[in-house]
Amino acid sequence: AGVSKMTVYSHFSDKEALFEAVVSDVSDRMLRVLPPASSENLPLRERLSAIGAAFLKIIVNVHVAGMAHALPTVSRDDRPLRTRFYDAGPGRTVAVLAGIISDAEARNELIVDSPELAAQDLVSLWAGDLQMRIAFGVVKPASDREIKKRARRGTDVFLRAFGKAGRR
């Protein structure tokens, strides 16, 4: 940022508060780029794919991927702090997805045992190990085209697992 540590810490009480603010900011950006409520009229596959692409575009950013990889070591001995980080970031995204999945289940489009667990499954299908591979520098950040393709594939696998047509 081009400022001294003193300037940074005059805004944050400690390193943990700074990390929590960064995690919350990334989560805010993620939630802002989710497709608007008006997209609820889209077919579920299109809506989830758009959300997946928006999600991936944020998390595969080199800086975000690196931060996500570093966070567990920064807060290794502080479980409440790790929980706050998770709740401020990924937990918020999973909660929004769980709501969408729950609504789709109520419309009889999905059959899930738990909207929260299904949301976690969907995030995993979208991201796989891409964030880790980017953080380690094994692959270059994905292009917008690759992100959309990955989001569509993860969504398709999810719908085969939980879609009404895919269940017995």
Protein backbone atom coordinates (compact mmCIF):
# COMPACT_ATOMS: atom_id res chain seq x y z
CA ALA A 1 0.00 0.00 0.00
CA GLY A 2 3.02 2.22 0.14
CA VAL A 3 2.54 3.19 3.80
CA SER A 4 4.39 2.36 6.99
CA LYS A 5 3.40 -0.39 9.41
CA MET A 6 2.56 2.32 11.90
CA THR A 7 -0.01 3.79 9.51
CA VAL A 8 -1.59 0.38 8.97
CA TYR A 9 -1.72 -0.46 12.67
CA SER A 10 -3.20 2.93 13.52
CA HIS A 11 -6.31 1.61 11.71
CA PHE A 12 -6.16 -1.95 13.08
CA SER A 13 -5.43 -3.04 16.61
CA ASP A 14 -3.27 -5.99 15.56
CA LYS A 15 -2.38 -8.32 12.70
CA GLU A 16 -5.42 -10.48 13.35
CA ALA A 17 -7.79 -7.50 13.02
CA LEU A 18 -6.08 -6.58 9.76
CA PHE A 19 -6.46 -10.12 8.38
CA GLU A 20 -10.10 -10.23 9.46
CA ALA A 21 -10.76 -6.93 7.67
CA VAL A 22 -9.11 -8.28 4.51
CA VAL A 23 -11.12 -11.52 4.65
CA SER A 24 -14.34 -9.57 5.20
CA ASP A 25 -13.53 -7.21 2.31
CA VAL A 26 -12.88 -10.11 -0.08
CA SER A 27 -16.17 -11.68 1.03
CA ASP A 28 -17.99 -8.37 0.50
CA ARG A 29 -16.60 -8.17 -3.04
CA MET A 30 -17.67 -11.76 -3.68
CA LEU A 31 -21.21 -11.15 -2.47
CA ARG A 32 -21.46 -7.91 -4.48
CA VAL A 33 -20.66 -9.69 -7.74
CA LEU A 34 -23.23 -12.42 -7.24
CA PRO A 35 -25.93 -12.26 -9.88
CA PRO A 36 -28.77 -9.94 -8.82
CA ALA A 37 -32.06 -11.18 -7.41
CA SER A 38 -33.58 -10.59 -10.85
CA SER A 39 -31.54 -13.59 -12.05
CA GLU A 40 -33.85 -15.81 -9.98
CA ASN A 41 -35.85 -16.21 -13.19
CA LEU A 42 -32.89 -17.91 -14.83
CA PRO A 43 -32.79 -21.70 -14.93
CA LEU A 44 -30.98 -23.07 -11.85
CA ARG A 45 -28.04 -24.32 -13.93
CA GLU A 46 -27.44 -20.85 -15.39
CA ARG A 47 -27.83 -19.12 -12.05
CA LEU A 48 -25.47 -21.46 -10.18
CA SER A 49 -22.92 -21.33 -13.02
CA ALA A 50 -22.95 -17.51 -12.91
CA ILE A 51 -22.50 -17.55 -9.14
CA GLY A 52 -19.68 -20.09 -9.50
CA ALA A 53 -17.89 -17.94 -12.07
CA ALA A 54 -18.21 -14.86 -9.84
CA PHE A 55 -16.94 -16.85 -6.86
CA LEU A 56 -13.98 -18.29 -8.77
CA LYS A 57 -13.01 -14.94 -10.24
CA ILE A 58 -12.49 -13.65 -6.68
CA ILE A 59 -10.84 -16.67 -5.07
CA VAL A 60 -8.39 -17.45 -7.87
CA ASN A 61 -6.91 -13.96 -7.71
CA VAL A 62 -3.21 -14.50 -6.94
CA HIS A 63 -3.36 -12.32 -3.83
CA VAL A 64 -6.51 -13.94 -2.45
CA ALA A 65 -5.19 -17.44 -3.18
CA GLY A 66 -1.93 -16.63 -1.39
CA MET A 67 -3.74 -15.10 1.57
CA ALA A 68 -6.06 -18.11 1.88
CA HIS A 69 -3.01 -20.36 1.95
CA ALA A 70 -1.26 -18.19 4.60
CA LEU A 71 -4.20 -17.68 6.97
CA PRO A 72 -4.08 -21.06 8.71
CA THR A 73 -0.45 -20.51 9.72
CA VAL A 74 -1.08 -16.95 10.90
CA SER A 75 -3.85 -18.07 13.23
CA ARG A 76 -2.64 -21.61 13.98
CA ASP A 77 -3.13 -21.51 17.76
CA ASP A 78 -6.29 -19.42 17.85
CA ARG A 79 -9.39 -21.44 16.95
CA PRO A 80 -11.86 -18.60 17.71
CA LEU A 81 -9.88 -16.35 15.37
CA ARG A 82 -9.87 -18.99 12.60
CA THR A 83 -13.63 -19.33 13.07
CA ARG A 84 -14.05 -15.54 12.77
CA PHE A 85 -11.98 -15.58 9.55
CA TYR A 86 -14.07 -18.40 8.11
CA ASP A 87 -17.36 -16.79 9.14
CA ALA A 88 -16.31 -13.41 7.70
CA GLY A 89 -15.32 -14.92 4.35
CA PRO A 90 -16.11 -18.38 3.02
CA GLY A 91 -18.83 -18.98 5.60
CA ARG A 92 -20.85 -16.04 4.28
CA THR A 93 -20.66 -17.33 0.72
CA VAL A 94 -21.68 -20.83 1.77
CA ALA A 95 -24.63 -19.37 3.72
CA VAL A 96 -25.86 -17.46 0.64
CA LEU A 97 -25.52 -20.59 -1.49
CA ALA A 98 -27.33 -22.68 1.13
CA GLY A 99 -30.25 -20.25 0.90
CA ILE A 100 -30.36 -20.55 -2.89
CA ILE A 101 -30.16 -24.34 -2.66
CA SER A 102 -32.89 -24.41 -0.02
CA ASP A 103 -35.14 -22.30 -2.27
CA ALA A 104 -34.45 -24.63 -5.21
CA GLU A 105 -35.31 -27.60 -3.01
CA ALA A 106 -38.60 -25.93 -2.04
CA ARG A 107 -39.36 -25.49 -5.76
CA ASN A 108 -38.69 -29.23 -6.15
CA GLU A 109 -35.64 -28.65 -8.37
CA LEU A 110 -33.15 -30.30 -6.00
CA ILE A 111 -33.14 -33.10 -3.47
CA VAL A 112 -30.57 -32.49 -0.73
CA ASP A 113 -30.07 -33.83 2.75
CA SER A 114 -28.70 -30.49 3.96
CA PRO A 115 -28.57 -27.19 2.04
CA GLU A 116 -25.43 -26.19 4.00
CA LEU A 117 -23.57 -29.40 3.16
CA ALA A 118 -24.74 -29.22 -0.46
CA ALA A 119 -23.43 -25.62 -0.64
CA GLN A 120 -20.06 -26.80 0.66
CA ASP A 121 -20.07 -29.56 -1.96
CA LEU A 122 -20.83 -27.06 -4.71
CA VAL A 123 -18.03 -24.70 -3.65
CA SER A 124 -15.63 -27.66 -3.66
CA LEU A 125 -16.77 -28.72 -7.11
CA TRP A 126 -16.20 -25.22 -8.46
CA ALA A 127 -12.82 -24.61 -6.88
CA GLY A 128 -11.23 -28.03 -6.59
CA ASP A 129 -7.57 -27.47 -5.81
CA LEU A 130 -7.19 -24.53 -8.19
CA GLN A 131 -6.69 -21.94 -5.45
CA MET A 132 -3.94 -24.02 -3.87
CA ARG A 133 -2.20 -24.61 -7.20
CA ILE A 134 -2.27 -20.86 -7.90
CA ALA A 135 -0.95 -20.06 -4.40
CA PHE A 136 1.94 -22.49 -4.95
CA GLY A 137 2.62 -21.02 -8.39
CA VAL A 138 2.08 -24.37 -10.11
CA VAL A 139 -0.43 -22.88 -12.58
CA LYS A 140 -1.13 -19.40 -13.85
CA PRO A 141 -4.35 -17.68 -12.79
CA ALA A 142 -7.30 -18.90 -14.82
CA SER A 143 -8.71 -16.82 -17.67
CA ASP A 144 -12.34 -15.69 -17.62
CA ARG A 145 -13.11 -18.41 -20.18
CA GLU A 146 -11.49 -21.10 -18.03
CA ILE A 147 -13.33 -19.81 -14.95
CA LYS A 148 -16.70 -19.99 -16.71
CA LYS A 149 -15.92 -23.50 -18.00
CA ARG A 150 -14.90 -24.68 -14.52
CA ALA A 151 -18.01 -23.13 -12.92
CA ARG A 152 -20.26 -24.79 -15.51
CA ARG A 153 -18.59 -28.16 -15.01
CA GLY A 154 -18.86 -27.98 -11.21
CA THR A 155 -22.49 -26.94 -11.50
CA ASP A 156 -23.25 -29.80 -13.92
CA VAL A 157 -21.69 -32.36 -11.56
CA PHE A 158 -23.64 -30.85 -8.64
CA LEU A 159 -26.92 -31.02 -10.56
CA ARG A 160 -26.27 -34.64 -11.56
CA ALA A 161 -25.81 -35.44 -7.86
CA PHE A 162 -28.64 -33.38 -6.40
CA GLY A 163 -30.94 -32.56 -9.31
CA LYS A 164 -34.38 -34.09 -9.14
CA ALA A 165 -33.89 -35.84 -12.48
CA GLY A 166 -30.66 -37.42 -11.24
CA ARG A 167 -32.23 -39.01 -8.14
CA ARG A 168 -34.11 -42.26 -7.76
